[in-house]
């Protein structure tokens, strides 16, 4: 089974093209934080290439922007090509089946500001998921 789900931020401008047969496709990279912190106490990020085709490509090109949080579901694909210097190069990328935009940086900042405002007014967010019977 070849299935991958990544959540991160769009790290590059989205490039879209159309094949000679009229099929649209788009490429971009997503920055995904690693689960563990490095020696300096910071989380490193991996920049993963993504390829989307047809309606998925049209969707991400129209609505996605650099910095937006995104979920990508698809499969890992390894392809090769011959570079100009004659060397064979390999590229590992996600071939996206589904892309869901999770919010822009400004929307996330607005949510954070609203939470800070609630705290200043004396409200405290309560996590009651452990006490609910369902």
N, C-alpha and C. Protein backbone atom coordinates (compact mmCIF):
# COMPACT_ATOMS: atom_id res chain seq x y z
N UNK A 1 0.85 -1.17 0.00
CA UNK A 1 0.00 0.00 0.00
C UNK A 1 0.90 1.23 0.00
N UNK A 2 0.58 2.20 -0.82
CA UNK A 2 1.34 3.44 -0.94
C UNK A 2 0.39 4.59 -0.67
N UNK A 3 0.35 5.06 0.59
CA UNK A 3 -0.57 6.12 1.00
C UNK A 3 0.14 7.04 1.95
N UNK A 4 0.03 8.34 1.73
CA UNK A 4 0.68 9.32 2.61
C UNK A 4 -0.28 10.47 2.87
N UNK A 5 -0.26 10.96 4.11
CA UNK A 5 -1.03 12.14 4.49
C UNK A 5 -0.07 13.09 5.18
N UNK A 6 0.03 14.30 4.67
CA UNK A 6 0.92 15.31 5.23
C UNK A 6 0.13 16.58 5.51
N UNK A 7 0.43 17.21 6.64
CA UNK A 7 -0.16 18.51 6.96
C UNK A 7 0.99 19.48 7.16
N UNK A 8 0.95 20.59 6.46
CA UNK A 8 2.00 21.58 6.57
C UNK A 8 1.56 22.89 5.95
N UNK A 9 2.53 23.70 5.57
CA UNK A 9 2.24 24.99 4.93
C UNK A 9 2.79 24.98 3.52
N UNK A 10 2.07 25.62 2.61
CA UNK A 10 2.55 25.77 1.24
C UNK A 10 3.80 26.65 1.31
N UNK A 11 4.93 26.11 0.86
CA UNK A 11 6.21 26.78 1.05
C UNK A 11 6.70 27.52 -0.19
N UNK A 12 6.12 27.24 -1.34
CA UNK A 12 6.54 27.89 -2.58
C UNK A 12 5.32 28.38 -3.34
N UNK A 13 5.55 29.24 -4.30
CA UNK A 13 4.46 29.63 -5.18
C UNK A 13 3.99 28.41 -5.96
N UNK A 14 2.70 28.35 -6.23
CA UNK A 14 2.13 27.22 -6.94
C UNK A 14 2.30 27.46 -8.43
N UNK A 15 2.95 26.52 -9.08
CA UNK A 15 3.15 26.61 -10.53
C UNK A 15 2.16 25.69 -11.21
N UNK A 16 1.42 26.21 -12.17
CA UNK A 16 0.47 25.36 -12.89
C UNK A 16 0.80 25.36 -14.37
N UNK A 17 0.55 24.22 -14.98
CA UNK A 17 0.81 24.04 -16.41
C UNK A 17 -0.28 23.17 -16.99
N UNK A 18 -0.27 23.05 -18.30
CA UNK A 18 -1.21 22.19 -19.00
C UNK A 18 -0.41 21.31 -19.95
N UNK A 19 -0.72 20.01 -19.95
CA UNK A 19 -0.02 19.10 -20.86
C UNK A 19 -0.49 19.35 -22.29
N UNK A 20 0.20 18.74 -23.25
CA UNK A 20 -0.17 18.90 -24.66
C UNK A 20 -1.57 18.36 -24.93
N UNK A 21 -2.01 17.40 -24.11
CA UNK A 21 -3.35 16.85 -24.30
C UNK A 21 -4.41 17.61 -23.50
N UNK A 22 -4.03 18.74 -22.86
CA UNK A 22 -5.01 19.59 -22.20
C UNK A 22 -5.28 19.27 -20.74
N UNK A 23 -4.44 18.46 -20.11
CA UNK A 23 -4.64 18.10 -18.71
C UNK A 23 -3.85 19.09 -17.83
N UNK A 24 -4.55 19.71 -16.89
CA UNK A 24 -3.88 20.68 -16.02
C UNK A 24 -3.16 19.97 -14.88
N UNK A 25 -2.03 20.55 -14.47
CA UNK A 25 -1.29 20.03 -13.34
C UNK A 25 -0.59 21.17 -12.63
N UNK A 26 -0.31 20.97 -11.36
CA UNK A 26 0.32 22.00 -10.54
C UNK A 26 1.38 21.37 -9.65
N UNK A 27 2.43 22.15 -9.37
CA UNK A 27 3.47 21.70 -8.47
C UNK A 27 3.74 22.78 -7.42
N UNK A 28 4.11 22.33 -6.24
CA UNK A 28 4.50 23.22 -5.16
C UNK A 28 5.17 22.37 -4.09
N UNK A 29 5.72 23.02 -3.08
CA UNK A 29 6.32 22.30 -1.96
C UNK A 29 5.57 22.67 -0.69
N UNK A 30 5.47 21.68 0.22
CA UNK A 30 4.91 21.97 1.52
C UNK A 30 5.99 21.79 2.58
N UNK A 31 5.97 22.66 3.57
CA UNK A 31 6.89 22.56 4.71
C UNK A 31 6.17 21.81 5.82
N UNK A 32 6.76 20.69 6.23
CA UNK A 32 6.17 19.84 7.26
C UNK A 32 7.15 19.75 8.42
N UNK A 33 6.70 20.15 9.60
CA UNK A 33 7.56 20.08 10.78
C UNK A 33 7.78 18.63 11.19
N UNK A 34 8.98 18.34 11.63
CA UNK A 34 9.29 17.02 12.17
C UNK A 34 8.69 16.90 13.56
N UNK A 35 8.50 15.68 14.01
CA UNK A 35 7.85 15.45 15.30
C UNK A 35 8.73 15.81 16.49
N UNK A 36 10.05 15.73 16.31
CA UNK A 36 10.95 15.93 17.44
C UNK A 36 11.79 17.17 17.24
N UNK A 37 12.23 17.75 18.34
CA UNK A 37 13.06 18.96 18.29
C UNK A 37 14.52 18.57 18.10
N UNK A 38 15.28 19.47 17.49
CA UNK A 38 16.70 19.24 17.29
C UNK A 38 17.48 19.61 18.56
N UNK A 39 18.80 19.60 18.48
CA UNK A 39 19.65 19.87 19.65
C UNK A 39 19.44 21.27 20.20
N UNK A 40 19.05 22.23 19.34
CA UNK A 40 18.81 23.61 19.79
C UNK A 40 17.40 23.81 20.34
N UNK A 41 16.59 22.75 20.36
CA UNK A 41 15.23 22.85 20.88
C UNK A 41 14.21 23.34 19.87
N UNK A 42 14.59 23.36 18.59
CA UNK A 42 13.68 23.80 17.53
C UNK A 42 13.28 22.62 16.67
N UNK A 43 12.13 22.74 16.05
CA UNK A 43 11.67 21.69 15.14
C UNK A 43 12.17 21.99 13.73
N UNK A 44 12.84 21.01 13.14
CA UNK A 44 13.25 21.13 11.75
C UNK A 44 12.04 20.86 10.86
N UNK A 45 12.10 21.35 9.64
CA UNK A 45 11.01 21.13 8.68
C UNK A 45 11.58 20.46 7.43
N UNK A 46 10.78 19.62 6.85
CA UNK A 46 11.10 19.03 5.56
C UNK A 46 10.26 19.73 4.50
N UNK A 47 10.86 19.99 3.35
CA UNK A 47 10.16 20.64 2.25
C UNK A 47 9.90 19.58 1.19
N UNK A 48 8.62 19.19 1.08
CA UNK A 48 8.24 18.04 0.28
C UNK A 48 7.55 18.50 -1.00
N UNK A 49 8.06 18.05 -2.16
CA UNK A 49 7.42 18.40 -3.43
C UNK A 49 6.07 17.68 -3.58
N UNK A 50 5.10 18.41 -4.13
CA UNK A 50 3.76 17.86 -4.36
C UNK A 50 3.38 18.12 -5.82
N UNK A 51 2.74 17.12 -6.44
CA UNK A 51 2.20 17.27 -7.79
C UNK A 51 0.72 16.96 -7.73
N UNK A 52 -0.10 17.85 -8.27
CA UNK A 52 -1.55 17.65 -8.33
C UNK A 52 -2.00 17.70 -9.78
N UNK A 53 -3.02 16.94 -10.11
CA UNK A 53 -3.51 16.86 -11.49
C UNK A 53 -4.99 17.23 -11.56
N UNK A 54 -5.41 17.65 -12.73
CA UNK A 54 -6.80 17.93 -13.10
C UNK A 54 -7.50 18.88 -12.11
N UNK A 55 -8.67 18.47 -11.58
CA UNK A 55 -9.45 19.36 -10.71
C UNK A 55 -8.71 19.71 -9.42
N UNK A 56 -7.93 18.77 -8.91
CA UNK A 56 -7.16 19.04 -7.71
C UNK A 56 -6.15 20.14 -7.97
N UNK A 57 -5.51 20.10 -9.12
CA UNK A 57 -4.55 21.15 -9.51
C UNK A 57 -5.26 22.49 -9.67
N UNK A 58 -6.41 22.48 -10.33
CA UNK A 58 -7.18 23.72 -10.53
C UNK A 58 -7.59 24.33 -9.18
N UNK A 59 -8.02 23.47 -8.25
CA UNK A 59 -8.46 23.92 -6.93
C UNK A 59 -7.32 24.59 -6.17
N UNK A 60 -6.17 23.91 -6.08
CA UNK A 60 -5.07 24.46 -5.29
C UNK A 60 -4.50 25.71 -5.95
N UNK A 61 -4.50 25.77 -7.27
CA UNK A 61 -4.00 26.96 -7.96
C UNK A 61 -4.91 28.16 -7.71
N UNK A 62 -6.22 27.92 -7.71
CA UNK A 62 -7.16 29.02 -7.55
C UNK A 62 -7.22 29.52 -6.10
N UNK A 63 -7.20 28.61 -5.13
CA UNK A 63 -7.46 29.00 -3.75
C UNK A 63 -6.24 28.95 -2.82
N UNK A 64 -5.20 28.22 -3.21
CA UNK A 64 -4.04 28.08 -2.35
C UNK A 64 -3.02 29.19 -2.55
N UNK A 65 -2.34 29.57 -1.48
CA UNK A 65 -1.31 30.60 -1.53
C UNK A 65 -0.15 30.19 -0.65
N UNK A 66 0.99 30.71 -0.96
CA UNK A 66 2.18 30.47 -0.16
C UNK A 66 1.89 30.88 1.29
N UNK A 67 2.20 30.00 2.23
CA UNK A 67 1.95 30.26 3.65
C UNK A 67 0.68 29.63 4.17
N UNK A 68 -0.24 29.23 3.30
CA UNK A 68 -1.49 28.61 3.74
C UNK A 68 -1.22 27.22 4.32
N UNK A 69 -1.98 26.88 5.35
CA UNK A 69 -1.91 25.53 5.93
C UNK A 69 -2.72 24.61 5.04
N UNK A 70 -2.18 23.40 4.79
CA UNK A 70 -2.79 22.50 3.83
C UNK A 70 -2.61 21.05 4.26
N UNK A 71 -3.60 20.22 3.94
CA UNK A 71 -3.50 18.78 4.12
C UNK A 71 -3.44 18.15 2.74
N UNK A 72 -2.48 17.26 2.55
CA UNK A 72 -2.30 16.59 1.25
C UNK A 72 -2.38 15.10 1.48
N UNK A 73 -3.22 14.43 0.71
CA UNK A 73 -3.37 12.98 0.77
C UNK A 73 -3.06 12.43 -0.61
N UNK A 74 -2.20 11.43 -0.67
CA UNK A 74 -1.85 10.86 -1.97
C UNK A 74 -0.89 9.72 -1.82
N UNK A 75 -0.02 9.55 -2.80
CA UNK A 75 0.95 8.47 -2.80
C UNK A 75 2.34 9.02 -3.09
N UNK A 76 3.35 8.31 -2.61
CA UNK A 76 4.73 8.71 -2.85
C UNK A 76 5.13 8.17 -4.22
N UNK A 77 5.77 9.02 -4.98
CA UNK A 77 6.18 8.66 -6.33
C UNK A 77 7.65 9.00 -6.50
N UNK A 78 8.43 8.08 -7.05
CA UNK A 78 9.83 8.34 -7.36
C UNK A 78 9.98 8.28 -8.87
N UNK A 79 10.54 9.33 -9.43
CA UNK A 79 10.76 9.36 -10.87
C UNK A 79 12.20 9.77 -11.13
N UNK A 80 12.66 9.52 -12.33
CA UNK A 80 14.03 9.89 -12.67
C UNK A 80 14.05 10.62 -14.01
N UNK A 81 15.11 11.37 -14.20
CA UNK A 81 15.31 12.06 -15.47
C UNK A 81 16.81 12.23 -15.69
N UNK A 82 17.20 12.49 -16.92
CA UNK A 82 18.60 12.74 -17.24
C UNK A 82 18.84 14.24 -17.22
N UNK A 83 19.76 14.69 -16.37
CA UNK A 83 20.08 16.11 -16.25
C UNK A 83 20.93 16.55 -17.43
N UNK A 84 21.11 17.85 -17.56
CA UNK A 84 21.89 18.40 -18.67
C UNK A 84 23.34 17.95 -18.63
N UNK A 85 23.84 17.64 -17.43
CA UNK A 85 25.22 17.18 -17.32
C UNK A 85 25.36 15.68 -17.59
N UNK A 86 24.27 15.02 -17.98
CA UNK A 86 24.30 13.60 -18.32
C UNK A 86 24.05 12.67 -17.15
N UNK A 87 23.96 13.20 -15.95
CA UNK A 87 23.72 12.38 -14.76
C UNK A 87 22.23 12.07 -14.62
N UNK A 88 21.94 10.89 -14.11
CA UNK A 88 20.55 10.52 -13.84
C UNK A 88 20.18 11.09 -12.48
N UNK A 89 19.07 11.81 -12.43
CA UNK A 89 18.58 12.42 -11.18
C UNK A 89 17.28 11.75 -10.78
N UNK A 90 17.08 11.64 -9.47
CA UNK A 90 15.86 11.05 -8.93
C UNK A 90 15.10 12.09 -8.13
N UNK A 91 13.79 12.07 -8.25
CA UNK A 91 12.91 13.00 -7.53
C UNK A 91 11.87 12.17 -6.79
N UNK A 92 11.73 12.45 -5.50
CA UNK A 92 10.68 11.82 -4.70
C UNK A 92 9.65 12.90 -4.39
N UNK A 93 8.39 12.63 -4.68
CA UNK A 93 7.34 13.63 -4.50
C UNK A 93 6.03 12.95 -4.14
N UNK A 94 5.09 13.76 -3.68
CA UNK A 94 3.75 13.25 -3.38
C UNK A 94 2.88 13.51 -4.61
N UNK A 95 2.25 12.47 -5.09
CA UNK A 95 1.27 12.59 -6.16
C UNK A 95 -0.08 12.73 -5.45
N UNK A 96 -0.60 13.96 -5.39
CA UNK A 96 -1.77 14.27 -4.56
C UNK A 96 -3.07 13.77 -5.17
N UNK A 97 -3.82 13.03 -4.38
CA UNK A 97 -5.18 12.64 -4.76
C UNK A 97 -6.19 13.65 -4.22
N UNK A 98 -5.91 14.16 -3.00
CA UNK A 98 -6.79 15.13 -2.36
C UNK A 98 -5.96 16.22 -1.71
N UNK A 99 -6.46 17.44 -1.78
CA UNK A 99 -5.84 18.57 -1.10
C UNK A 99 -6.94 19.35 -0.41
N UNK A 100 -6.72 19.65 0.87
CA UNK A 100 -7.69 20.44 1.61
C UNK A 100 -6.96 21.62 2.24
N UNK A 101 -7.45 22.81 1.96
CA UNK A 101 -6.87 24.01 2.56
C UNK A 101 -7.43 24.15 3.97
N UNK A 102 -6.52 24.36 4.94
CA UNK A 102 -6.90 24.40 6.35
C UNK A 102 -6.92 25.80 6.92
N UNK A 103 -6.55 26.79 6.14
CA UNK A 103 -6.58 28.17 6.61
C UNK A 103 -5.30 28.90 6.27
N UNK A 104 -5.43 30.19 6.13
CA UNK A 104 -4.28 31.02 5.80
C UNK A 104 -3.60 31.50 7.07
N UNK A 105 -2.44 32.09 6.92
CA UNK A 105 -1.71 32.64 8.07
C UNK A 105 -2.54 33.71 8.77
N UNK A 106 -3.23 34.56 7.99
CA UNK A 106 -4.01 35.63 8.60
C UNK A 106 -5.19 35.08 9.39
N UNK A 107 -5.84 34.02 8.89
CA UNK A 107 -6.94 33.41 9.63
C UNK A 107 -6.44 32.79 10.92
N UNK A 108 -5.28 32.12 10.87
CA UNK A 108 -4.71 31.52 12.07
C UNK A 108 -4.31 32.58 13.08
N UNK A 109 -3.77 33.71 12.61
CA UNK A 109 -3.40 34.81 13.51
C UNK A 109 -4.64 35.41 14.15
N UNK A 110 -5.73 35.52 13.38
CA UNK A 110 -6.97 36.09 13.91
C UNK A 110 -7.53 35.18 15.01
N UNK A 111 -7.48 33.87 14.81
CA UNK A 111 -7.96 32.92 15.82
C UNK A 111 -7.13 33.04 17.09
N UNK A 112 -5.81 33.17 16.93
CA UNK A 112 -4.92 33.34 18.08
C UNK A 112 -5.24 34.63 18.83
N UNK A 113 -5.50 35.70 18.10
CA UNK A 113 -5.84 36.99 18.72
C UNK A 113 -7.16 36.88 19.48
N UNK A 114 -8.14 36.17 18.93
CA UNK A 114 -9.42 35.99 19.60
C UNK A 114 -9.24 35.21 20.90
N UNK A 115 -8.38 34.20 20.90
CA UNK A 115 -8.13 33.41 22.11
C UNK A 115 -7.47 34.27 23.18
N UNK A 116 -6.52 35.11 22.77
CA UNK A 116 -5.87 36.01 23.73
C UNK A 116 -6.88 36.99 24.32
N UNK A 117 -7.79 37.49 23.49
CA UNK A 117 -8.80 38.43 23.96
C UNK A 117 -9.71 37.77 24.98
N UNK A 118 -10.09 36.51 24.75
CA UNK A 118 -10.94 35.79 25.71
C UNK A 118 -10.22 35.62 27.04
N UNK A 119 -8.93 35.34 27.01
CA UNK A 119 -8.17 35.18 28.25
C UNK A 119 -8.11 36.50 29.01
N UNK A 120 -7.94 37.61 28.30
CA UNK A 120 -7.87 38.91 28.94
C UNK A 120 -9.19 39.28 29.60
N UNK A 121 -10.30 38.76 29.08
CA UNK A 121 -11.61 39.05 29.64
C UNK A 121 -11.95 38.10 30.79
N UNK A 122 -11.03 37.20 31.11
CA UNK A 122 -11.26 36.30 32.24
C UNK A 122 -11.81 34.95 31.85
N UNK A 123 -11.99 34.68 30.55
CA UNK A 123 -12.47 33.38 30.11
C UNK A 123 -11.30 32.42 29.98
N UNK A 124 -11.55 31.19 30.32
CA UNK A 124 -10.53 30.15 30.19
C UNK A 124 -11.10 29.03 29.33
N UNK A 125 -10.33 28.61 28.34
CA UNK A 125 -10.77 27.50 27.49
C UNK A 125 -10.67 26.21 28.28
N UNK A 126 -11.73 25.41 28.25
CA UNK A 126 -11.79 24.17 29.02
C UNK A 126 -11.83 23.00 28.05
N UNK A 127 -10.98 22.02 28.31
CA UNK A 127 -10.99 20.79 27.51
C UNK A 127 -11.76 19.75 28.30
N UNK A 128 -13.01 19.55 27.94
CA UNK A 128 -13.86 18.61 28.66
C UNK A 128 -14.08 17.31 27.89
N UNK A 129 -13.19 17.02 26.95
CA UNK A 129 -13.38 15.82 26.12
C UNK A 129 -13.24 14.55 26.94
N UNK A 130 -12.50 14.59 28.07
CA UNK A 130 -12.33 13.37 28.88
C UNK A 130 -13.57 13.07 29.72
N UNK A 131 -14.42 14.05 29.96
CA UNK A 131 -15.56 13.83 30.84
C UNK A 131 -16.87 13.58 30.08
N UNK A 132 -16.84 13.72 28.77
CA UNK A 132 -18.06 13.48 28.02
C UNK A 132 -18.30 11.98 27.83
N UNK A 133 -19.56 11.54 27.95
CA UNK A 133 -19.83 10.10 27.85
C UNK A 133 -19.87 9.56 26.42
N UNK A 134 -19.62 10.40 25.41
CA UNK A 134 -19.66 9.94 24.03
C UNK A 134 -18.44 10.35 23.29
